Amino acid sequence: LFADAVREVRKYSAAHVIERAVNVNSSAFDHIQMKLFRSQRNLYLSGFSLFLWLVLRRTVTLLTQLAKGMASHAALETQVNDATEAAKKYMAENERLQEALNEKGGSKKESAEATDEKLKKEVEHLKAELQKTSNALDKAKSEVTAVKKQSEGLKKEYDHLMKEYKRLQVSGSRSLYEHDI
């Protein structure tokens, strides 16, 4: 429409057309002027419509880009919120685990102290038993020594008695031998 309106305006505004129309008659001139006015009107309307169409097209393009940007922004915002919530949740869980670890560490210290106390008592008990056992060993050694001394004494006494017995036998057999002779 715009191109047709431009063509029509050129057709009726040409200088030679106006000159011919003036020479022909005044009603023809008015008719040509009316057609020129209509073609100029159509040119302005179609030009303004074309300009408006271009502006609307650009506006629609910008609105579409804006809508896509807002949608992606909303999606990113949701993603950021989810990531923030997840991070907060993980931080809270991390703190809870650290507290539990610290409590276990504290209870481990307490249990280690209790275990140390228990081991100390057991060491003292074992030392007491070791002392009793070493006392019993010393007593047994002294008894063994006493028994050895007693055994040596008995052995000496036995040897002495055996010598005495042999001597008596020898002297008894001589006296019998002398008695028989």
Protein backbone atom coordinates (compact mmCIF):
# COMPACT_ATOMS: atom_id res chain seq x y z
CA LEU A 1 0.00 0.00 0.00
CA PHE A 2 2.81 2.41 0.82
CA ALA A 3 4.57 1.75 -2.49
CA ASP A 4 1.31 2.15 -4.40
CA ALA A 5 0.64 5.42 -2.57
CA VAL A 6 4.13 6.70 -3.48
CA ARG A 7 3.55 5.77 -7.12
CA GLU A 8 0.17 7.53 -7.15
CA VAL A 9 1.60 10.70 -5.58
CA ARG A 10 4.36 10.82 -8.19
CA LYS A 11 1.87 10.23 -10.94
CA TYR A 12 -0.41 13.11 -9.94
CA SER A 13 2.24 15.54 -8.77
CA ALA A 14 4.34 15.48 -11.85
CA ALA A 15 4.75 18.98 -13.24
CA HIS A 16 3.74 18.18 -16.78
CA VAL A 17 0.44 16.65 -15.57
CA ILE A 18 -0.43 19.81 -13.70
CA GLU A 19 0.38 21.94 -16.73
CA ARG A 20 -1.78 19.81 -19.01
CA ALA A 21 -4.62 19.87 -16.55
CA VAL A 22 -4.49 23.65 -16.31
CA ASN A 23 -4.62 23.93 -20.05
CA VAL A 24 -7.47 21.49 -20.45
CA ASN A 25 -10.11 22.74 -18.09
CA SER A 26 -10.61 23.71 -14.51
CA SER A 27 -12.79 20.74 -13.54
CA ALA A 28 -10.12 18.37 -14.76
CA PHE A 29 -7.61 20.32 -12.69
CA ASP A 30 -9.83 19.96 -9.62
CA HIS A 31 -10.23 16.28 -10.36
CA ILE A 32 -6.42 15.83 -10.59
CA GLN A 33 -5.96 17.85 -7.40
CA MET A 34 -8.55 15.65 -5.65
CA LYS A 35 -6.72 12.49 -6.81
CA LEU A 36 -3.40 14.00 -5.68
CA PHE A 37 -4.93 14.79 -2.28
CA ARG A 38 -6.25 11.22 -1.96
CA SER A 39 -2.94 9.69 -3.02
CA GLN A 40 -1.09 11.96 -0.56
CA ARG A 41 -3.60 11.04 2.18
CA ASN A 42 -3.11 7.34 1.37
CA LEU A 43 0.68 7.88 1.41
CA TYR A 44 0.55 9.45 4.88
CA LEU A 45 -1.86 6.80 6.22
CA SER A 46 0.07 3.87 4.78
CA GLY A 47 3.42 5.44 5.81
CA PHE A 48 2.17 6.02 9.34
CA SER A 49 0.69 2.51 9.40
CA LEU A 50 4.00 1.06 8.17
CA PHE A 51 5.91 3.05 10.79
CA LEU A 52 3.45 1.95 13.47
CA TRP A 53 3.76 -1.67 12.30
CA LEU A 54 7.58 -1.44 12.58
CA VAL A 55 7.32 0.12 16.05
CA LEU A 56 4.83 -2.54 17.16
CA ARG A 57 7.04 -5.28 15.70
CA ARG A 58 10.04 -3.97 17.61
CA THR A 59 7.93 -3.59 20.77
CA VAL A 60 6.68 -7.17 20.46
CA THR A 61 10.27 -8.39 19.91
CA LEU A 62 11.46 -6.49 22.98
CA LEU A 63 8.53 -7.76 25.06
CA THR A 64 9.25 -11.33 23.96
CA GLN A 65 12.92 -10.94 24.91
CA LEU A 66 11.90 -9.36 28.19
CA ALA A 67 9.49 -12.22 28.93
CA LYS A 68 12.18 -14.79 28.15
CA GLY A 69 14.63 -12.85 30.32
CA MET A 70 12.13 -12.68 33.16
CA ALA A 71 11.39 -16.39 32.84
CA SER A 72 15.08 -17.25 32.89
CA HIS A 73 15.57 -14.79 35.77
CA ALA A 74 12.75 -16.44 37.70
CA ALA A 75 14.23 -19.87 36.98
CA LEU A 76 17.68 -18.69 38.07
CA GLU A 77 16.22 -17.06 41.17
CA THR A 78 14.43 -20.30 42.04
CA GLN A 79 17.65 -22.19 41.43
CA VAL A 80 19.59 -19.77 43.63
CA ASN A 81 16.96 -20.04 46.37
CA ASP A 82 17.08 -23.83 46.19
CA ALA A 83 20.87 -23.78 46.26
CA THR A 84 20.81 -21.38 49.21
CA GLU A 85 18.35 -23.55 51.11
CA ALA A 86 20.41 -26.65 50.34
CA ALA A 87 23.57 -24.85 51.46
CA LYS A 88 21.86 -23.74 54.69
CA LYS A 89 20.62 -27.29 55.24
CA TYR A 90 24.09 -28.71 54.63
CA MET A 91 25.65 -26.07 56.89
CA ALA A 92 23.18 -26.91 59.67
CA GLU A 93 23.83 -30.62 59.18
CA ASN A 94 27.57 -29.95 59.20
CA GLU A 95 27.26 -27.99 62.46
CA ARG A 96 25.13 -30.75 63.97
CA LEU A 97 27.68 -33.36 62.94
CA GLN A 98 30.52 -31.23 64.32
CA GLU A 99 28.65 -30.89 67.62
CA ALA A 100 28.04 -34.63 67.68
CA LEU A 101 31.71 -35.20 66.90
CA ASN A 102 32.71 -32.80 69.66
CA GLU A 103 30.34 -34.56 72.06
CA LYS A 104 31.77 -37.90 71.04
CA GLY A 105 35.23 -36.41 71.42
CA GLY A 106 34.21 -35.18 74.88
CA SER A 107 32.67 -38.53 75.71
CA LYS A 108 35.77 -40.19 74.28
CA LYS A 109 37.83 -38.03 76.61
CA GLU A 110 35.55 -38.93 79.48
CA SER A 111 35.62 -42.59 78.51
CA ALA A 112 39.39 -42.36 78.05
CA GLU A 113 39.68 -40.86 81.53
CA ALA A 114 37.40 -43.57 82.90
CA THR A 115 39.45 -46.19 81.07
CA ASP A 116 42.65 -44.64 82.43
CA GLU A 117 41.25 -44.77 85.97
CA LYS A 118 40.19 -48.35 85.47
CA LEU A 119 43.61 -49.26 84.07
CA LYS A 120 45.35 -47.48 86.95
CA LYS A 121 43.27 -49.46 89.46
CA GLU A 122 44.03 -52.65 87.56
CA VAL A 123 47.76 -51.79 87.55
CA GLU A 124 47.65 -51.17 91.32
CA HIS A 125 45.79 -54.45 91.81
CA LEU A 126 48.33 -56.29 89.65
CA LYS A 127 51.20 -54.65 91.55
CA ALA A 128 49.67 -55.84 94.80
CA GLU A 129 49.30 -59.35 93.39
CA LEU A 130 52.88 -59.21 92.09
CA GLN A 131 54.06 -58.16 95.54
CA LYS A 132 52.12 -61.02 97.13
CA THR A 133 53.50 -63.42 94.54
CA SER A 134 57.08 -62.19 95.00
CA ASN A 135 56.64 -62.47 98.79
CA ALA A 136 55.33 -65.99 98.34
CA LEU A 137 58.28 -66.76 96.02
CA ASP A 138 60.76 -65.39 98.53
CA LYS A 139 59.08 -67.45 101.26
CA ALA A 140 59.15 -70.52 99.02
CA LYS A 141 62.84 -69.91 98.23
CA SER A 142 63.63 -69.56 101.91
CA GLU A 143 61.66 -72.74 102.62
CA VAL A 144 63.53 -74.52 99.80
CA THR A 145 66.81 -73.29 101.24
CA ALA A 146 65.74 -74.49 104.69
CA VAL A 147 64.66 -77.85 103.26
CA LYS A 148 68.00 -78.13 101.39
CA LYS A 149 69.89 -77.39 104.60
CA GLN A 150 67.75 -79.87 106.44
CA SER A 151 68.28 -82.39 103.66
CA GLU A 152 72.02 -81.85 103.78
CA GLY A 153 71.91 -82.23 107.52
CA LEU A 154 69.90 -85.42 107.17
CA LYS A 155 72.28 -86.65 104.47
CA LYS A 156 75.25 -86.01 106.75
CA GLU A 157 73.44 -87.72 109.59
CA TYR A 158 72.55 -90.63 107.29
CA ASP A 159 76.13 -90.90 106.08
CA HIS A 160 77.31 -90.77 109.66
CA LEU A 161 74.80 -93.42 110.66
CA MET A 162 75.80 -95.58 107.70
CA LYS A 163 79.46 -95.33 108.66
CA GLU A 164 78.53 -96.17 112.21
CA TYR A 165 76.46 -99.09 111.02
CA LYS A 166 79.31 -100.42 108.87
CA ARG A 167 81.74 -100.01 111.66
CA LEU A 168 79.43 -101.82 113.99
CA GLN A 169 78.90 -104.55 111.48
CA VAL A 170 82.59 -104.92 110.94
CA SER A 171 83.25 -104.92 114.65
CA GLY A 172 80.25 -107.22 115.25
CA SER A 173 81.39 -109.70 112.62
CA ARG A 174 84.89 -109.72 114.15
CA SER A 175 83.58 -110.37 117.54
CA LEU A 176 81.49 -113.20 116.17
CA TYR A 177 84.44 -114.47 114.25
CA GLU A 178 86.57 -114.25 117.36
CA HIS A 179 83.86 -115.83 119.40
CA ASP A 180 83.71 -118.79 117.05
CA ILE A 181 87.35 -119.36 117.01
